[in-house]
Amino acid sequence: MRTMTTPPGQAPAPARRDAEATKAAILKAARHLLARHAHADITLRAVAERAGVSPPLILKYFGNKDTLFARVMSFDTDADALLDAPLDALGRHMVRHVVSSQRERGADPLLRIAFAPLHGDHGDVLRANFRAQVTERLAARLTGPDAGLRAELAVAALIGLGVMYGIARGPYLRETDADALADRYGPAVQAQLTGKAAGSAGPRPDDRLTPWTNA
């Protein structure tokens, strides 16, 4: 039997792209279930049904349930995108990223941490990952006093936004343009990061925050 080959000049079948899309669908399904059920109650079959794949395909890509949920409980990739902006524009970027993630993916990159109490020992893993990969990583970018506290306050503002948007489903938030929300809410986050809103000349005279950088 003759082996089929790709003709010269013709792109090969996008098998890798399909594999990446399948893995992304599996991870999205697992995140969805993790936000609503205790880790011990989630089965690979339930993840497979939500992702529209077979359980053996999950095993092929991730090996077992523990390996899959180790990926789901990591914030590394989400943090890469969340923090991908210069410090002096980071507050606005993070607000827009949270809103856009809700609208485009139906998931908040930070909101998984709100469900940590559901998961027993796995909740401790989720919390430890969140601190190391999100708040401590953000704090390392800040200068001036109380960098850790300011990082946690900035992230707390983002989690509150995610809760109001994705769980409380605030109608005014959900009907407002992402850029408009970033313009209004970003300065509150930015004030914790640098002591002044992005693009401003500095705090108003009645502000009690001290500008910690010249960014």
Protein backbone atom coordinates (compact mmCIF):
# COMPACT_ATOMS: atom_id res chain seq x y z
CA MET A 1 0.00 0.00 0.00
CA ARG A 2 1.45 3.35 -1.03
CA THR A 3 2.08 5.89 1.72
CA MET A 4 0.42 9.23 1.08
CA THR A 5 2.79 12.19 1.13
CA THR A 6 2.15 15.89 1.03
CA PRO A 7 2.65 17.26 -2.52
CA PRO A 8 5.46 19.81 -2.91
CA GLY A 9 4.34 23.31 -2.10
CA GLN A 10 1.24 22.15 -0.23
CA ALA A 11 0.98 22.70 3.52
CA PRO A 12 0.63 19.53 5.61
CA ALA A 13 -2.60 18.81 7.43
CA PRO A 14 -2.86 20.97 10.56
CA ALA A 15 -2.69 18.03 12.98
CA ARG A 16 -0.70 19.94 15.58
CA ARG A 17 -3.13 22.84 15.46
CA ASP A 18 -6.01 20.41 15.99
CA ALA A 19 -4.18 18.80 18.92
CA GLU A 20 -3.58 22.19 20.55
CA ALA A 21 -7.23 23.14 20.07
CA THR A 22 -8.32 19.85 21.64
CA LYS A 23 -6.02 20.32 24.63
CA ALA A 24 -7.31 23.88 25.05
CA ALA A 25 -10.90 22.61 25.00
CA ILE A 26 -10.08 19.98 27.65
CA LEU A 27 -8.40 22.55 29.90
CA LYS A 28 -11.32 24.96 29.48
CA ALA A 29 -13.79 22.21 30.42
CA ALA A 30 -11.74 21.21 33.45
CA ARG A 31 -11.51 24.85 34.61
CA HIS A 32 -15.27 25.22 34.23
CA LEU A 33 -15.94 22.14 36.36
CA LEU A 34 -13.30 23.06 38.94
CA ALA A 35 -15.06 26.37 39.49
CA ARG A 36 -18.32 24.60 40.29
CA HIS A 37 -17.52 21.26 41.90
CA ALA A 38 -15.13 19.81 44.44
CA HIS A 39 -12.02 18.33 42.87
CA ALA A 40 -12.85 14.86 44.22
CA ASP A 41 -16.27 14.93 42.54
CA ILE A 42 -14.97 15.71 39.04
CA THR A 43 -14.47 12.70 36.79
CA LEU A 44 -12.52 12.47 33.55
CA ARG A 45 -15.78 11.41 31.89
CA ALA A 46 -17.42 14.67 32.98
CA VAL A 47 -14.47 16.68 31.62
CA ALA A 48 -14.59 14.70 28.36
CA GLU A 49 -18.33 15.23 27.91
CA ARG A 50 -18.02 18.97 28.43
CA ALA A 51 -15.03 19.20 26.09
CA GLY A 52 -16.69 17.05 23.44
CA VAL A 53 -13.93 14.44 23.41
CA SER A 54 -13.46 10.88 24.65
CA PRO A 55 -11.88 10.06 28.06
CA PRO A 56 -9.03 8.13 26.35
CA LEU A 57 -8.10 11.31 24.47
CA ILE A 58 -7.66 13.12 27.80
CA LEU A 59 -5.38 10.32 28.94
CA LYS A 60 -3.43 10.60 25.70
CA TYR A 61 -2.75 14.31 26.17
CA PHE A 62 -2.50 14.59 29.96
CA GLY A 63 -1.79 11.10 31.29
CA ASN A 64 -4.20 11.10 34.24
CA LYS A 65 -6.56 13.27 36.26
CA ASP A 66 -3.86 14.55 38.61
CA THR A 67 -1.68 15.74 35.74
CA LEU A 68 -4.64 17.44 34.07
CA PHE A 69 -5.65 19.28 37.21
CA ALA A 70 -2.07 20.24 38.01
CA ARG A 71 -2.25 22.21 34.75
CA VAL A 72 -5.67 23.60 35.60
CA MET A 73 -4.46 24.74 39.03
CA SER A 74 -1.50 26.58 37.57
CA PHE A 75 -1.79 30.33 36.90
CA ASP A 76 1.51 30.60 35.00
CA THR A 77 0.17 30.99 31.48
CA ASP A 78 -2.66 33.26 32.58
CA ALA A 79 -0.22 35.42 34.52
CA ASP A 80 1.98 35.79 31.44
CA ALA A 81 -0.90 37.43 29.59
CA LEU A 82 -2.25 39.32 32.60
CA LEU A 83 1.09 41.01 33.33
CA ASP A 84 2.13 41.59 29.72
CA ALA A 85 2.34 45.39 29.76
CA PRO A 86 4.75 48.10 30.93
CA LEU A 87 4.34 48.94 34.59
CA ASP A 88 3.03 52.44 33.91
CA ALA A 89 0.15 51.01 31.83
CA LEU A 90 -0.36 47.73 33.68
CA GLY A 91 -3.49 48.65 35.66
CA ARG A 92 -5.50 49.42 32.56
CA HIS A 93 -4.13 46.37 30.76
CA MET A 94 -5.08 44.01 33.59
CA VAL A 95 -8.63 45.36 33.81
CA ARG A 96 -9.11 45.00 30.08
CA HIS A 97 -7.64 41.50 30.14
CA VAL A 98 -10.03 40.33 32.86
CA VAL A 99 -13.06 41.72 31.01
CA SER A 100 -11.95 40.44 27.61
CA SER A 101 -11.26 36.97 29.02
CA GLN A 102 -14.80 36.84 30.40
CA ARG A 103 -16.29 37.90 27.09
CA GLU A 104 -14.13 35.88 24.72
CA ARG A 105 -13.43 32.73 26.76
CA GLY A 106 -16.19 32.79 29.36
CA ALA A 107 -13.53 32.56 32.07
CA ASP A 108 -11.71 34.96 34.36
CA PRO A 109 -7.98 34.16 34.58
CA LEU A 110 -8.01 34.92 38.32
CA LEU A 111 -11.43 33.81 39.48
CA ARG A 112 -10.48 30.16 40.04
CA ILE A 113 -8.92 31.23 43.34
CA ALA A 114 -12.38 32.16 44.67
CA PHE A 115 -13.32 28.47 44.60
CA ALA A 116 -10.26 27.14 46.44
CA PRO A 117 -12.29 26.29 49.60
CA LEU A 118 -14.15 23.64 47.57
CA HIS A 119 -11.07 21.57 46.99
CA GLY A 120 -9.53 20.52 50.33
CA ASP A 121 -5.80 19.86 49.97
CA HIS A 122 -6.02 20.76 46.31
CA GLY A 123 -7.30 24.16 47.41
CA ASP A 124 -4.01 24.67 49.25
CA VAL A 125 -2.18 23.93 45.99
CA LEU A 126 -4.40 26.44 44.17
CA ARG A 127 -3.68 29.12 46.79
CA ALA A 128 0.06 28.47 46.78
CA ASN A 129 0.18 28.66 42.99
CA PHE A 130 -1.85 31.87 42.99
CA ARG A 131 0.48 33.57 45.45
CA ALA A 132 3.67 32.47 43.71
CA GLN A 133 2.54 32.94 40.13
CA VAL A 134 0.32 36.03 40.41
CA THR A 135 0.65 38.23 43.49
CA GLU A 136 4.31 37.58 44.31
CA ARG A 137 5.28 37.85 40.65
CA LEU A 138 3.44 41.17 40.42
CA ALA A 139 5.02 42.41 43.65
CA ALA A 140 8.49 41.67 42.26
CA ARG A 141 7.84 44.26 39.54
CA LEU A 142 6.95 47.01 41.99
CA THR A 143 9.26 49.46 43.71
CA GLY A 144 8.74 51.43 46.89
CA PRO A 145 7.21 50.46 50.22
CA ASP A 146 4.68 47.68 50.83
CA ALA A 147 5.07 46.14 47.38
CA GLY A 148 3.47 42.87 48.49
CA LEU A 149 0.46 44.60 50.02
CA ARG A 150 -0.01 46.82 46.98
CA ALA A 151 0.17 43.82 44.65
CA GLU A 152 -2.49 42.00 46.70
CA LEU A 153 -4.74 45.08 46.76
CA ALA A 154 -4.42 45.48 42.98
CA VAL A 155 -5.26 41.82 42.39
CA ALA A 156 -8.13 42.02 44.89
CA ALA A 157 -9.64 44.81 42.80
CA LEU A 158 -9.42 42.60 39.72
CA ILE A 159 -11.00 39.63 41.48
CA GLY A 160 -13.85 41.87 42.63
CA LEU A 161 -14.35 42.97 39.05
CA GLY A 162 -14.39 39.35 37.91
CA VAL A 163 -16.94 38.38 40.56
CA MET A 164 -19.25 41.25 39.66
CA TYR A 165 -18.94 40.51 35.96
CA GLY A 166 -18.91 36.72 35.86
CA ILE A 167 -20.82 35.61 38.96
CA ALA A 168 -23.11 38.49 39.97
CA ARG A 169 -23.45 39.26 36.23
CA GLY A 170 -23.83 42.97 36.76
CA PRO A 171 -25.84 44.18 33.76
CA TYR A 172 -24.16 47.60 33.56
CA LEU A 173 -20.71 46.06 33.56
CA ARG A 174 -21.67 43.52 30.95
CA GLU A 175 -23.12 46.07 28.54
CA THR A 176 -20.18 48.49 28.82
CA ASP A 177 -17.31 48.43 26.32
CA ALA A 178 -14.10 46.79 27.61
CA ASP A 179 -12.00 49.86 26.81
CA ALA A 180 -14.45 52.09 28.66
CA LEU A 181 -14.27 49.81 31.71
CA ALA A 182 -10.47 49.81 31.52
CA ASP A 183 -10.47 53.62 31.37
CA ARG A 184 -12.70 53.92 34.44
CA TYR A 185 -11.38 51.09 36.63
CA GLY A 186 -7.77 50.89 35.49
CA PRO A 187 -6.64 54.00 37.42
CA ALA A 188 -7.82 52.45 40.72
CA VAL A 189 -5.64 49.41 40.06
CA GLN A 190 -2.76 51.52 38.74
CA ALA A 191 -2.76 53.63 41.91
CA GLN A 192 -1.71 50.56 43.90
CA LEU A 193 1.02 49.68 41.41
CA THR A 194 2.74 53.03 40.96
CA GLY A 195 0.93 55.51 43.19
CA LYS A 196 -0.62 57.34 40.26
CA ALA A 197 -3.00 56.60 37.44
CA ALA A 198 -1.42 55.68 34.13
CA GLY A 199 -0.84 58.77 32.02
CA SER A 200 -1.54 61.21 34.86
CA ALA A 201 0.80 63.89 36.13
CA GLY A 202 0.54 62.37 39.59
CA PRO A 203 -1.90 62.01 42.49
CA ARG A 204 -4.39 64.76 43.21
CA PRO A 205 -3.61 66.92 46.25
CA ASP A 206 -6.25 65.13 48.31
CA ASP A 207 -4.86 61.67 47.47
CA ARG A 208 -3.04 59.97 50.31
CA LEU A 209 -1.09 57.66 48.04
CA THR A 210 2.57 58.48 47.49
CA PRO A 211 3.97 58.02 43.98
CA TRP A 212 6.56 55.24 44.28
CA THR A 213 7.94 55.35 40.75
CA ASN A 214 8.54 57.88 38.05
CA ALA A 215 6.87 55.57 35.52
